[in-house]
Protein backbone atom coordinates (compact mmCIF):
# COMPACT_ATOMS: atom_id res chain seq x y z
CA GLY A 1 -0.02 -0.07 0.07
CA GLY A 2 1.08 3.60 0.58
CA THR A 3 2.80 5.55 -2.19
CA PHE A 4 4.73 2.43 -3.26
CA GLY A 5 2.22 1.00 -5.90
CA SER A 6 4.84 -0.96 -7.43
CA PHE A 7 5.47 -3.19 -4.28
CA CYS A 8 1.77 -3.87 -3.79
CA GLU A 9 1.27 -7.47 -3.95
CA CYS A 10 -2.26 -7.10 -2.49
CA ASP A 11 -4.02 -10.54 -1.95
CA PHE A 12 -1.91 -12.00 -4.80
CA TRP A 13 -1.02 -15.31 -3.37
CA PRO A 14 0.02 -17.78 -6.20
CA ASP A 15 -0.64 -21.48 -5.28
CA LEU A 16 0.74 -22.98 -8.58
CA PRO A 17 0.86 -26.59 -7.20
CA GLY A 18 -2.80 -26.16 -6.14
CA LEU A 19 -3.72 -24.97 -9.69
CA GLU A 20 -1.95 -27.89 -11.31
CA CYS A 21 -3.49 -30.26 -9.05
CA ASP A 22 -7.05 -28.92 -9.61
CA LEU A 23 -6.50 -28.76 -13.35
CA ALA A 24 -5.30 -32.45 -13.21
CA GLN A 25 -8.29 -33.68 -11.29
CA HIS A 26 -11.12 -31.50 -12.80
CA LEU A 27 -10.43 -30.21 -16.27
CA ALA A 28 -11.36 -33.02 -18.61
CA GLY A 29 -9.88 -33.80 -21.91
CA GLN A 30 -7.83 -30.60 -22.40
CA HIS A 31 -4.22 -31.60 -22.47
CA LEU A 32 -3.13 -28.53 -24.59
CA ALA A 33 -4.92 -26.02 -22.31
CA LYS A 34 -3.57 -27.51 -19.18
CA ALA A 35 0.16 -27.72 -20.25
CA LEU A 36 -0.02 -24.21 -21.77
CA VAL A 37 -1.60 -22.48 -18.75
CA VAL A 38 0.61 -24.07 -16.27
CA LYS A 39 3.70 -23.42 -18.22
CA SER A 40 3.00 -19.75 -19.10
CA LEU A 41 1.87 -19.08 -15.31
CA LYS A 42 4.85 -20.61 -13.90
CA ALA A 43 7.29 -18.71 -16.16
CA PHE A 44 5.44 -15.45 -15.33
CA VAL A 45 4.81 -15.67 -11.58
CA GLN A 46 8.47 -16.84 -10.98
CA ASP A 47 9.89 -13.79 -12.89
CA PRO A 48 10.55 -11.03 -10.35
CA ALA A 49 10.64 -8.54 -13.16
CA PRO A 50 8.66 -9.39 -16.24
CA SER A 51 9.20 -7.41 -19.41
CA LYS A 52 5.42 -7.51 -20.29
CA PRO A 53 2.13 -8.63 -18.72
CA LEU A 54 1.02 -12.24 -19.14
CA VAL A 55 -1.61 -12.33 -22.06
CA LEU A 56 -3.66 -15.52 -22.69
CA SER A 57 -6.30 -16.00 -25.32
CA LEU A 58 -8.73 -18.93 -24.54
CA HIS A 59 -10.45 -20.37 -27.57
CA GLY A 60 -12.96 -23.10 -28.11
CA TRP A 61 -16.57 -24.29 -28.36
CA THR A 62 -19.04 -23.38 -25.54
CA GLY A 63 -18.84 -25.88 -22.46
CA THR A 64 -15.36 -27.00 -23.02
CA GLY A 65 -13.88 -25.43 -19.95
CA LYS A 66 -12.61 -21.81 -20.75
CA SER A 67 -14.55 -20.00 -18.06
CA TYR A 68 -13.89 -22.89 -15.72
CA VAL A 69 -10.08 -22.45 -16.23
CA SER A 70 -10.19 -18.74 -15.72
CA SER A 71 -12.15 -19.03 -12.49
CA LEU A 72 -9.52 -21.66 -11.26
CA LEU A 73 -6.77 -19.30 -12.14
CA ALA A 74 -8.51 -16.51 -10.17
CA GLN A 75 -8.94 -18.92 -7.17
CA HIS A 76 -5.35 -20.09 -7.09
CA LEU A 77 -3.81 -16.62 -7.83
CA PHE A 78 -5.74 -14.55 -5.27
CA ARG A 79 -6.63 -15.21 -1.75
CA ASP A 80 -10.13 -14.08 -2.27
CA GLY A 81 -10.47 -15.76 -5.70
CA LEU A 82 -12.91 -14.18 -8.05
CA ARG A 83 -14.19 -11.93 -5.22
CA SER A 84 -10.65 -10.33 -5.04
CA PRO A 85 -10.73 -6.38 -5.68
CA HIS A 86 -7.97 -7.11 -8.12
CA VAL A 87 -9.85 -9.58 -10.35
CA HIS A 88 -11.69 -7.58 -12.97
CA HIS A 89 -14.29 -9.40 -15.08
CA PHE A 90 -15.66 -7.75 -18.28
CA SER A 91 -18.59 -9.04 -20.12
CA PRO A 92 -19.69 -7.21 -23.26
CA ILE A 93 -23.42 -7.58 -22.58
CA ILE A 94 -23.05 -5.94 -19.29
CA HIS A 95 -20.20 -3.51 -19.66
CA PHE A 96 -20.27 -2.57 -23.48
CA PRO A 97 -23.81 -3.13 -24.55
CA HIS A 98 -24.27 -0.20 -26.93
CA PRO A 99 -21.88 -0.20 -30.17
CA SER A 100 -22.79 3.49 -30.50
CA ARG A 101 -20.99 4.39 -27.26
CA THR A 102 -17.72 2.82 -28.35
CA GLU A 103 -15.71 5.97 -28.08
CA GLN A 104 -16.85 6.61 -24.42
CA TYR A 105 -16.23 2.77 -23.67
CA LYS A 106 -12.69 3.23 -24.92
CA LYS A 107 -11.93 6.04 -22.49
CA GLU A 108 -13.53 4.29 -19.68
CA LEU A 109 -11.76 1.13 -20.35
CA LYS A 110 -8.33 2.80 -20.68
CA SER A 111 -8.70 4.79 -17.49
CA TRP A 112 -10.16 1.64 -15.60
CA VAL A 113 -7.36 -0.53 -16.51
CA GLN A 114 -4.79 2.29 -15.88
CA GLY A 115 -6.42 3.07 -12.46
CA ASN A 116 -6.47 -0.52 -11.42
CA LEU A 117 -2.84 -1.00 -12.19
CA THR A 118 -1.82 1.99 -10.29
CA ALA A 119 -3.54 0.59 -7.31
CA CYS A 120 -2.13 -2.82 -7.69
CA GLY A 121 0.30 -4.25 -10.21
CA ARG A 122 -0.85 -7.70 -9.63
CA SER A 123 -4.36 -7.25 -11.29
CA LEU A 124 -6.14 -9.87 -13.39
CA PHE A 125 -8.24 -8.65 -16.25
CA LEU A 126 -10.78 -11.14 -17.77
CA PHE A 127 -12.52 -10.31 -20.92
CA ASP A 128 -15.48 -12.62 -21.84
CA GLU A 129 -17.14 -13.20 -25.16
CA MET A 130 -14.44 -11.42 -27.27
CA ASP A 131 -16.69 -12.16 -30.18
CA LYS A 132 -19.31 -9.76 -28.78
CA LEU A 133 -17.29 -6.66 -28.16
CA PRO A 134 -17.94 -3.42 -30.08
CA PRO A 135 -15.14 -3.14 -32.91
CA GLY A 136 -12.23 -1.01 -32.10
CA LEU A 137 -12.66 -1.14 -28.22
CA MET A 138 -9.68 -3.39 -27.83
CA GLU A 139 -7.02 -1.16 -29.47
CA VAL A 140 -6.87 0.90 -26.23
CA LEU A 141 -5.40 -2.26 -24.35
CA GLN A 142 -2.62 -2.60 -26.99
CA PRO A 143 -0.27 -0.25 -25.20
CA PHE A 144 -0.66 -2.03 -21.86
CA LEU A 145 0.06 -5.60 -23.27
CA GLY A 146 3.46 -4.97 -24.85
CA PRO A 147 7.07 -4.81 -23.55
CA SER A 148 7.01 -1.03 -23.83
CA TRP A 149 9.12 0.73 -20.98
CA VAL A 150 7.38 4.11 -21.10
CA VAL A 151 3.75 3.70 -20.80
CA TYR A 152 2.17 4.04 -17.51
CA GLY A 153 5.21 3.31 -15.38
CA THR A 154 6.40 -0.12 -14.41
CA ASN A 155 3.31 -1.43 -12.53
CA TYR A 156 1.46 -2.67 -15.53
CA ARG A 157 4.00 -5.40 -16.43
CA LYS A 158 2.87 -7.74 -13.59
CA ALA A 159 -0.75 -7.81 -14.72
CA ILE A 160 -2.55 -10.76 -16.20
CA PHE A 161 -4.91 -10.42 -19.02
CA ILE A 162 -7.24 -13.29 -20.06
CA PHE A 163 -9.44 -13.13 -23.27
CA ILE A 164 -11.94 -15.74 -23.71
CA SER A 165 -13.86 -16.63 -27.00
CA ASN A 166 -15.58 -19.06 -29.20
CA ALA A 167 -13.57 -17.83 -32.23
CA GLY A 168 -11.57 -20.68 -33.73
CA GLY A 169 -13.75 -23.21 -32.19
CA GLU A 170 -15.22 -24.49 -35.35
CA GLN A 171 -11.66 -25.03 -36.63
CA ILE A 172 -10.30 -26.69 -33.41
CA ASN A 173 -13.29 -29.19 -33.57
CA GLN A 174 -12.41 -29.81 -37.28
CA VAL A 175 -8.82 -30.87 -36.36
CA ALA A 176 -10.05 -32.96 -33.42
CA LEU A 177 -12.68 -34.63 -35.73
CA GLU A 178 -10.10 -35.22 -38.38
CA ALA A 179 -7.62 -36.69 -35.83
CA TRP A 180 -10.47 -39.08 -34.54
CA ARG A 181 -11.23 -40.16 -37.89
CA SER A 182 -7.69 -41.08 -38.77
CA HIS A 183 -7.53 -43.04 -35.40
CA ARG A 184 -4.95 -40.61 -33.97
CA ASP A 185 -4.81 -40.41 -30.20
CA ARG A 186 -6.49 -37.28 -29.07
CA GLU A 187 -3.36 -36.39 -26.99
CA GLU A 188 -1.28 -36.47 -30.00
CA ILE A 189 -3.20 -33.29 -31.31
CA SER A 190 -0.29 -30.67 -31.01
CA LEU A 191 -0.43 -26.82 -30.49
CA GLN A 192 1.43 -26.48 -33.88
CA GLU A 193 -1.70 -27.96 -35.60
CA VAL A 194 -4.38 -25.87 -33.94
CA GLU A 195 -2.62 -22.59 -33.24
CA PRO A 196 -2.30 -21.25 -36.86
CA VAL A 197 -6.01 -22.22 -37.65
CA ILE A 198 -7.15 -20.26 -34.41
CA SER A 199 -5.01 -17.20 -35.43
CA ARG A 200 -6.34 -17.15 -38.87
CA ALA A 201 -9.99 -17.59 -37.62
CA VAL A 202 -9.46 -14.72 -35.29
CA MET A 203 -7.59 -12.40 -37.79
CA ASP A 204 -10.36 -12.81 -40.44
CA ASN A 205 -13.23 -12.24 -38.24
CA PRO A 206 -14.34 -8.64 -37.96
CA GLN A 207 -16.76 -9.52 -35.17
CA HIS A 208 -13.83 -10.47 -32.86
CA GLY A 209 -12.52 -7.93 -30.32
CA PHE A 210 -8.95 -8.44 -31.58
CA TRP A 211 -9.95 -7.26 -35.18
CA ARG A 212 -7.44 -4.63 -36.18
CA SER A 213 -6.49 -3.91 -32.71
CA GLY A 214 -2.73 -4.73 -33.38
CA ILE A 215 -2.89 -7.31 -30.55
CA MET A 216 -2.39 -10.26 -32.86
CA GLU A 217 -0.41 -8.52 -35.39
CA GLU A 218 2.08 -7.33 -32.82
CA HIS A 219 2.36 -10.84 -31.40
CA LEU A 220 1.37 -9.57 -27.84
CA LEU A 221 -0.43 -12.82 -26.91
CA ASP A 222 1.97 -15.10 -24.84
CA ALA A 223 -0.26 -18.08 -25.60
CA VAL A 224 -3.18 -19.01 -27.80
CA VAL A 225 -4.95 -21.71 -25.70
CA PRO A 226 -7.16 -24.19 -27.49
CA PHE A 227 -9.92 -26.11 -25.87
CA LEU A 228 -10.92 -29.27 -27.81
CA PRO A 229 -14.46 -30.48 -28.10
CA LEU A 230 -15.32 -33.06 -25.38
CA GLN A 231 -16.19 -36.80 -25.80
CA ARG A 232 -18.91 -38.53 -23.89
CA HIS A 233 -16.53 -39.94 -21.28
CA HIS A 234 -15.14 -36.40 -20.58
CA VAL A 235 -18.60 -35.15 -19.96
CA ARG A 236 -19.41 -38.04 -17.64
CA HIS A 237 -16.15 -37.23 -15.73
CA CYS A 238 -17.37 -33.66 -15.33
CA VAL A 239 -20.68 -34.76 -13.92
CA LEU A 240 -19.26 -37.18 -11.51
CA ASN A 241 -16.78 -34.49 -10.35
CA GLU A 242 -19.68 -32.07 -9.90
CA LEU A 243 -21.72 -34.50 -7.88
CA ALA A 244 -18.61 -35.23 -5.59
CA GLN A 245 -18.20 -31.50 -5.10
CA LEU A 246 -21.80 -31.16 -4.01
CA GLY A 247 -21.33 -34.07 -1.56
CA LEU A 248 -23.80 -36.24 -3.52
CA GLU A 249 -23.50 -40.06 -4.28
CA PRO A 250 -22.52 -40.59 -8.03
CA SER A 251 -25.61 -42.58 -9.46
CA GLU A 252 -25.91 -44.01 -12.93
CA GLU A 253 -29.37 -42.32 -13.46
CA VAL A 254 -27.80 -38.79 -13.11
């Protein structure tokens, strides 16, 4: 606290072993997402002076675990989890509902991010449904995401930005389907296969928040995180997990 904003670690309390354990037990069928998230977070949290914030973009079909992973991240990075005053969740429908007000949203978003980073360098910004944002809004974030040494002092380099969208979902599903058809093991699907198709799907999509924002063009994403479509046994695993969490007996009927 006090005047030393840059020393404020607030309720930032990373528990990476706990995160890894939770992902291993509860996130079904997402070997790529698991490995990428853990690897990027470890590198970032262990770096005492990162040169840029951690920027992750999560992609995949609805119900594959994107929001689940972001809530696990918040839980394992901050003592108060999603209720932490340093976890900021943006949803287009709630925060940016009127495309006609984009210019006003831009000003608000910029000063909001700036203000929060001034208060605490360890802030987590979650942007949901990137395919529903007003076009042009995200360009105000671009200066915060890169390794510039000038903008807004040092505080913003310890922040974490997570963008979530369905963009690229169709393409990921296609890759998974082809792998399944050619009897390849699901775990053999590599990032090298899916990353380019996701990036292309996002870059070519005027509906996506990154459209012409410079964020992808400038390579400001630390990881493009693909979520594969789930198979029946994965869904079953999720249901059993959920029942156990609620303290209920797993039953076949359910």
